[in-house]
Amino acid sequence: MRWRSGRRSTNIEDRRSSGPAGMRFPFPSGGGGKRGGGISLGSIVVILVLMFVFDINPLELLGGGGTLAPTSYEQGAEPQGSGGQADDDEMKAFVSVVLGDTEDTWHAVFNELGATYKEPRLVLFRGAVQSACGFAQAAMGPFYCPGDQKVYLDLGFFDDLRRQHGAPGDFARAYVIAHEVGHHIQNLLGTSGKVQRAQQAADETVANQLSVMLELQADCYAGIWTNRAERARQILEEGDIEEALRAANAIGDDRLQKQSRGYITPDSFTHGTSEQRMRWFKRGLTTGSLESCNTFATNSL
């Protein structure tokens, strides 16, 4: 991804120094599913996968309400992260550029609608953080809180995305940020509120289906950003789209359930299958149109 010369957003709220880093729950380094004493490591992995990678709605866990610059860079260089303060600061610069680019894109889209885009803030934290949606830990993964209109991100998530889920690359990370900004778009357009009200009146299966529709639409919105940003600023390099698709594939409900427990239960899906997530991202990428992302008015998700 060509991000070196990109505009950096001023909407970054850095709380890394204030978060209790020791509260972060890392995934095991191996993939053998070995169990320890007390609570089994396998059980912990299942719980953390569901929370951390599914981009799960923090309201479901917190009881709240809402819901994923160093001095020089080589052009298109991929920030590595988690290698010390310098790497963390490089990753912060990358995040600020991606956020700034989403701002430019969505300002243009909202202008076309005759509306004004209100930019979200992005909170960087370590370990745990307090949001308007409640207290959250890094194990929950990136999330958007409509209560304060902020995206929350522990930079360590990107390392887990690469190591544990085989989705490396700068554009895989950009997709994650764009997906969470997609939830902000849904909040501004009133979609999130409508879904939440419908879920409250529905049974669990229907409520989960509505959640899938919401998440797939956010994937589609991430595709819109990619489409618009490439046309306006030529941000893409060879392999970038594949990186985003690899990330979308890695965090499908079916794949994660299969990996964590050996079987899947479709009625419990809340984010969509790997195929669905990739397909809806590609739809937004291909069309660049909000109308094409209406997951609530389609016969086939």
Protein backbone atom coordinates (compact mmCIF):
# COMPACT_ATOMS: atom_id res chain seq x y z
CA MET A 1 0.00 0.00 0.00
CA ARG A 2 1.32 3.44 -0.91
CA TRP A 3 0.90 5.25 2.36
CA ARG A 4 4.17 7.13 2.97
CA SER A 5 2.97 10.41 1.53
CA GLY A 6 -0.60 10.09 2.77
CA ARG A 7 -2.25 12.70 4.94
CA ARG A 8 -2.22 11.79 8.62
CA SER A 9 -5.44 12.17 10.52
CA THR A 10 -5.51 14.36 13.61
CA ASN A 11 -8.27 12.19 15.06
CA ILE A 12 -5.90 9.75 16.79
CA GLU A 13 -6.23 9.44 20.54
CA ASP A 14 -3.17 7.67 21.91
CA ARG A 15 -3.87 5.96 25.23
CA ARG A 16 -1.13 3.35 24.97
CA SER A 17 0.78 4.71 27.94
CA SER A 18 -2.28 4.71 30.20
CA GLY A 19 -3.54 1.19 29.46
CA PRO A 20 -2.66 -1.76 31.68
CA ALA A 21 -0.62 -3.76 29.17
CA GLY A 22 -0.39 -6.64 31.54
CA MET A 23 -4.11 -7.28 31.14
CA ARG A 24 -3.78 -8.28 27.51
CA PHE A 25 -4.48 -11.97 26.92
CA PRO A 26 -2.16 -13.24 24.15
CA PHE A 27 -2.94 -16.25 21.99
CA PRO A 28 -0.66 -19.24 22.55
CA SER A 29 2.39 -19.24 20.32
CA GLY A 30 1.78 -22.78 19.13
CA GLY A 31 -1.19 -24.26 17.31
CA GLY A 32 -1.22 -27.69 18.90
CA GLY A 33 -4.19 -27.10 21.18
CA LYS A 34 -2.33 -28.21 24.32
CA ARG A 35 -4.14 -27.78 27.59
CA GLY A 36 -2.80 -26.39 30.84
CA GLY A 37 -3.95 -26.73 34.41
CA GLY A 38 -7.16 -25.22 35.71
CA ILE A 39 -9.09 -23.63 32.85
CA SER A 40 -8.05 -25.40 29.69
CA LEU A 41 -5.98 -23.47 27.21
CA GLY A 42 -8.25 -24.81 24.48
CA SER A 43 -11.25 -23.22 26.17
CA ILE A 44 -9.42 -19.92 26.48
CA VAL A 45 -8.53 -20.01 22.79
CA VAL A 46 -12.17 -20.63 21.85
CA ILE A 47 -13.33 -17.70 23.96
CA LEU A 48 -10.65 -15.35 22.73
CA VAL A 49 -11.14 -16.28 19.08
CA LEU A 50 -14.84 -15.53 19.36
CA MET A 51 -14.20 -12.20 21.07
CA PHE A 52 -10.91 -11.12 19.54
CA VAL A 53 -11.21 -12.01 15.89
CA PHE A 54 -14.95 -11.94 15.30
CA ASP A 55 -14.87 -8.17 15.86
CA ILE A 56 -17.68 -8.96 18.27
CA ASN A 57 -20.14 -6.31 19.32
CA PRO A 58 -18.78 -5.00 22.61
CA LEU A 59 -22.34 -4.34 23.80
CA GLU A 60 -22.94 -8.06 23.87
CA LEU A 61 -20.03 -8.44 26.28
CA LEU A 62 -20.06 -5.16 28.17
CA GLY A 63 -23.76 -4.53 28.55
CA GLY A 64 -23.33 -1.27 26.67
CA GLY A 65 -24.59 -0.27 23.24
CA GLY A 66 -22.73 -0.37 19.89
CA THR A 67 -21.02 -3.05 17.79
CA LEU A 68 -12.93 -4.76 13.77
CA ALA A 69 5.52 8.57 12.35
CA PRO A 70 8.80 7.72 12.16
CA THR A 71 11.03 10.07 10.27
CA SER A 72 11.37 8.01 7.10
CA TYR A 73 9.69 5.16 5.24
CA GLU A 74 10.45 3.32 2.09
CA GLN A 75 7.65 3.91 -0.39
CA GLY A 76 4.95 1.32 0.26
CA ALA A 77 6.96 -0.29 3.07
CA GLU A 78 4.96 -2.49 5.37
CA PRO A 79 5.10 -1.52 9.07
CA GLN A 80 5.93 -4.52 11.22
CA GLY A 81 4.76 -3.55 14.72
CA SER A 82 5.35 -5.04 18.16
CA GLY A 83 9.10 -4.80 17.88
CA GLY A 84 9.48 -2.00 20.39
CA GLN A 85 8.51 1.63 20.70
CA ALA A 86 9.88 2.59 17.28
CA ASP A 87 7.81 -0.09 15.55
CA ASP A 88 4.74 0.89 17.54
CA ASP A 89 5.18 4.51 16.52
CA GLU A 90 5.60 3.46 12.90
CA MET A 91 2.37 1.49 13.14
CA LYS A 92 0.66 4.51 14.69
CA ALA A 93 1.75 6.55 11.68
CA PHE A 94 0.33 3.91 9.35
CA VAL A 95 -2.98 3.85 11.22
CA SER A 96 -3.23 7.64 11.12
CA VAL A 97 -2.67 7.67 7.35
CA VAL A 98 -5.31 5.00 6.73
CA LEU A 99 -7.77 6.81 8.97
CA GLY A 100 -7.04 10.08 7.17
CA ASP A 101 -7.68 8.42 3.85
CA THR A 102 -11.02 7.05 5.02
CA GLU A 103 -11.91 10.58 6.09
CA ASP A 104 -11.17 11.95 2.62
CA THR A 105 -13.21 9.18 1.00
CA TRP A 106 -16.26 9.45 3.20
CA HIS A 107 -16.32 13.24 3.08
CA ALA A 108 -16.61 12.92 -0.70
CA VAL A 109 -19.33 10.25 -0.47
CA PHE A 110 -21.39 12.24 2.02
CA ASN A 111 -21.01 15.37 -0.10
CA GLU A 112 -22.57 13.43 -2.97
CA LEU A 113 -25.50 12.65 -0.65
CA GLY A 114 -25.86 16.32 0.27
CA ALA A 115 -24.78 15.53 3.83
CA THR A 116 -21.83 16.34 6.08
CA TYR A 117 -19.51 13.59 7.26
CA LYS A 118 -18.62 13.62 10.94
CA GLU A 119 -15.20 12.06 11.42
CA PRO A 120 -14.72 9.39 14.09
CA ARG A 121 -11.78 9.33 16.46
CA LEU A 122 -9.53 6.30 16.71
CA VAL A 123 -8.22 5.29 20.13
CA LEU A 124 -4.95 3.38 20.37
CA PHE A 125 -4.62 1.44 23.62
CA ARG A 126 -2.77 -1.40 25.27
CA GLY A 127 -4.34 -4.14 27.31
CA ALA A 128 -7.62 -2.56 28.27
CA VAL A 129 -9.54 0.64 27.75
CA GLN A 130 -12.61 2.47 29.00
CA SER A 131 -15.11 3.44 26.32
CA ALA A 132 -18.64 4.82 26.28
CA CYS A 133 -19.68 1.21 25.60
CA GLY A 134 -17.97 0.02 28.77
CA PHE A 135 -14.63 -1.44 29.80
CA ALA A 136 -12.96 -3.44 27.04
CA GLN A 137 -9.89 -5.65 26.84
CA ALA A 138 -7.59 -6.17 23.89
CA ALA A 139 -8.80 -9.76 23.54
CA MET A 140 -12.05 -8.39 22.13
CA GLY A 141 -10.22 -7.07 19.10
CA PRO A 142 -10.84 -3.77 17.30
CA PHE A 143 -14.32 -2.37 17.83
CA TYR A 144 -16.45 0.69 17.19
CA CYS A 145 -18.46 2.31 19.95
CA PRO A 146 -21.42 4.41 18.75
CA GLY A 147 -21.78 5.95 22.21
CA ASP A 148 -18.68 8.08 21.70
CA GLN A 149 -18.25 7.54 17.94
CA LYS A 150 -14.75 6.13 18.36
CA VAL A 151 -12.86 3.18 16.92
CA TYR A 152 -10.75 1.30 19.49
CA LEU A 153 -7.61 -0.57 18.46
CA ASP A 154 -4.80 -2.37 20.27
CA LEU A 155 -1.91 -2.49 17.80
CA GLY A 156 -1.04 -6.01 18.96
CA PHE A 157 -4.12 -7.22 17.07
CA PHE A 158 -2.24 -6.83 13.81
CA ASP A 159 0.48 -9.22 14.96
CA ASP A 160 -2.13 -11.79 15.95
CA LEU A 161 -3.83 -11.35 12.59
CA ARG A 162 -0.53 -12.19 10.92
CA ARG A 163 0.75 -14.94 13.21
CA GLN A 164 -2.40 -16.74 14.25
CA HIS A 165 -4.61 -16.26 11.22
CA GLY A 166 -2.23 -16.12 8.27
CA ALA A 167 -3.30 -12.64 7.18
CA PRO A 168 -0.17 -10.48 7.00
CA GLY A 169 0.30 -7.29 5.06
CA ASP A 170 -0.33 -3.60 5.38
CA PHE A 171 -3.54 -3.71 3.38
CA ALA A 172 -4.95 -6.47 5.57
CA ARG A 173 -4.53 -4.00 8.42
CA ALA A 174 -6.06 -1.21 6.37
CA TYR A 175 -9.09 -3.43 5.71
CA VAL A 176 -9.58 -3.90 9.47
CA ILE A 177 -9.56 -0.15 10.07
CA ALA A 178 -11.85 0.52 7.10
CA HIS A 179 -14.29 -2.13 8.37
CA GLU A 180 -14.54 -0.42 11.76
CA VAL A 181 -15.01 2.96 10.08
CA GLY A 182 -17.79 1.21 8.13
CA HIS A 183 -19.61 0.74 11.45
CA HIS A 184 -19.28 4.49 11.99
CA ILE A 185 -20.92 5.09 8.62
CA GLN A 186 -23.78 2.79 9.68
CA ASN A 187 -24.14 4.77 12.87
CA LEU A 188 -24.27 8.10 11.03
CA LEU A 189 -26.81 6.77 8.52
CA GLY A 190 -29.03 5.36 11.28
CA THR A 191 -28.59 1.74 10.21
CA SER A 192 -27.04 0.56 13.47
CA GLY A 193 -29.87 1.97 15.57
CA LYS A 194 -32.52 0.32 13.41
CA VAL A 195 -30.75 -3.03 13.63
CA GLN A 196 -30.38 -2.80 17.39
CA ARG A 197 -34.09 -2.07 17.83
CA ALA A 198 -35.02 -4.95 15.53
CA GLN A 199 -32.71 -7.29 17.44
CA GLN A 200 -34.36 -6.43 20.73
CA ALA A 201 -37.70 -7.61 19.34
CA ALA A 202 -36.32 -10.74 17.68
CA ASP A 203 -35.29 -14.21 18.80
CA GLU A 204 -31.62 -15.14 18.96
CA THR A 205 -31.44 -16.67 15.47
CA VAL A 206 -32.98 -13.63 13.79
CA ALA A 207 -30.88 -11.27 15.91
CA ASN A 208 -27.75 -13.09 14.75
CA GLN A 209 -28.86 -12.86 11.12
CA LEU A 210 -29.29 -9.10 11.52
CA SER A 211 -25.80 -8.90 13.00
CA VAL A 212 -24.40 -10.76 9.99
CA MET A 213 -26.10 -8.29 7.65
CA LEU A 214 -24.60 -5.39 9.58
CA GLU A 215 -21.10 -6.85 9.52
CA LEU A 216 -21.20 -7.75 5.84
CA GLN A 217 -22.33 -4.22 5.04
CA ALA A 218 -19.30 -2.89 6.95
CA ASP A 219 -17.13 -5.16 4.82
CA CYS A 220 -18.79 -3.73 1.72
CA TYR A 221 -18.15 -0.20 2.99
CA ALA A 222 -14.48 -1.12 3.39
CA GLY A 223 -14.57 -2.09 -0.27
CA ILE A 224 -16.11 1.28 -1.16
CA TRP A 225 -13.24 3.03 0.58
CA THR A 226 -10.73 0.93 -1.36
CA ASN A 227 -12.47 1.73 -4.66
CA ARG A 228 -12.71 5.47 -4.04
CA ALA A 229 -9.24 5.84 -2.55
CA GLU A 230 -7.60 4.03 -5.44
CA ARG A 231 -9.41 6.16 -8.01
CA ALA A 232 -8.57 9.40 -6.19
CA ARG A 233 -5.10 8.73 -4.80
CA GLN A 234 -3.76 5.47 -6.31
CA ILE A 235 -3.00 3.83 -2.97
CA LEU A 236 -2.87 0.20 -4.15
CA GLU A 237 0.19 -1.88 -4.88
CA GLU A 238 0.37 -5.35 -6.33
CA GLY A 239 -1.03 -7.90 -3.89
CA ASP A 240 -2.96 -5.43 -1.72
CA ILE A 241 -6.43 -6.69 -2.65
CA GLU A 242 -5.29 -10.25 -2.02
CA GLU A 243 -4.13 -9.19 1.45
CA ALA A 244 -7.54 -7.73 2.26
CA LEU A 245 -9.33 -10.81 0.95
CA ARG A 246 -7.02 -13.06 2.96
CA ALA A 247 -7.94 -11.14 6.10
CA ALA A 248 -11.67 -11.30 5.32
CA ASN A 249 -11.35 -15.02 4.69
CA ALA A 250 -9.42 -15.57 7.92
CA ILE A 251 -12.12 -14.06 10.13
CA GLY A 252 -15.21 -15.74 8.69
CA ASP A 253 -17.46 -17.31 11.31
CA ASP A 254 -17.32 -20.73 9.68
CA ARG A 255 -13.55 -20.84 9.47
CA LEU A 256 -13.01 -19.66 13.03
CA GLN A 257 -15.58 -22.01 14.50
CA LYS A 258 -14.08 -24.92 12.57
CA GLN A 259 -10.60 -24.02 13.77
CA SER A 260 -11.56 -23.49 17.39
CA ARG A 261 -13.94 -26.40 18.00
CA GLY A 262 -13.96 -28.59 14.94
CA TYR A 263 -17.52 -27.93 13.78
CA ILE A 264 -19.77 -25.01 12.83
CA THR A 265 -23.23 -23.85 13.92
CA PRO A 266 -24.58 -21.47 11.27
CA ASP A 267 -27.40 -20.16 13.46
CA SER A 268 -24.77 -18.72 15.81
CA PHE A 269 -22.96 -16.78 13.08
CA THR A 270 -22.77 -13.06 13.82
CA HIS A 271 -20.31 -11.83 11.15
CA GLY A 272 -20.79 -14.05 8.12
CA THR A 273 -18.85 -16.83 6.47
CA SER A 274 -15.43 -16.36 4.91
CA GLU A 275 -17.00 -16.50 1.44
CA GLN A 276 -19.60 -13.90 2.34
CA ARG A 277 -17.09 -11.51 3.86
CA MET A 278 -14.84 -11.68 0.82
CA ARG A 279 -17.77 -11.35 -1.58
CA TRP A 280 -19.27 -8.28 0.06
CA PHE A 281 -15.88 -6.58 0.31
CA LYS A 282 -15.42 -7.23 -3.41
CA ARG A 283 -18.88 -5.85 -4.14
CA GLY A 284 -18.01 -2.53 -2.55
CA LEU A 285 -14.62 -2.60 -4.24
CA THR A 286 -16.15 -3.20 -7.65
CA THR A 287 -19.00 -0.69 -7.47
CA GLY A 288 -17.86 2.04 -5.08
CA SER A 289 -21.56 2.60 -4.41
CA LEU A 290 -23.54 2.72 -1.16
CA GLU A 291 -26.59 1.31 -2.91
CA SER A 292 -24.72 -1.87 -3.78
CA CYS A 293 -24.04 -2.52 -0.09
CA ASN A 294 -27.64 -2.94 1.04
CA THR A 295 -27.29 -6.31 2.74
CA PHE A 296 -30.77 -5.88 4.22
CA ALA A 297 -32.49 -6.01 0.83
CA THR A 298 -31.01 -9.01 -0.88
CA ASN A 299 -32.27 -12.53 -1.44
CA SER A 300 -28.81 -13.98 -0.95
CA LEU A 301 -26.19 -12.87 1.54
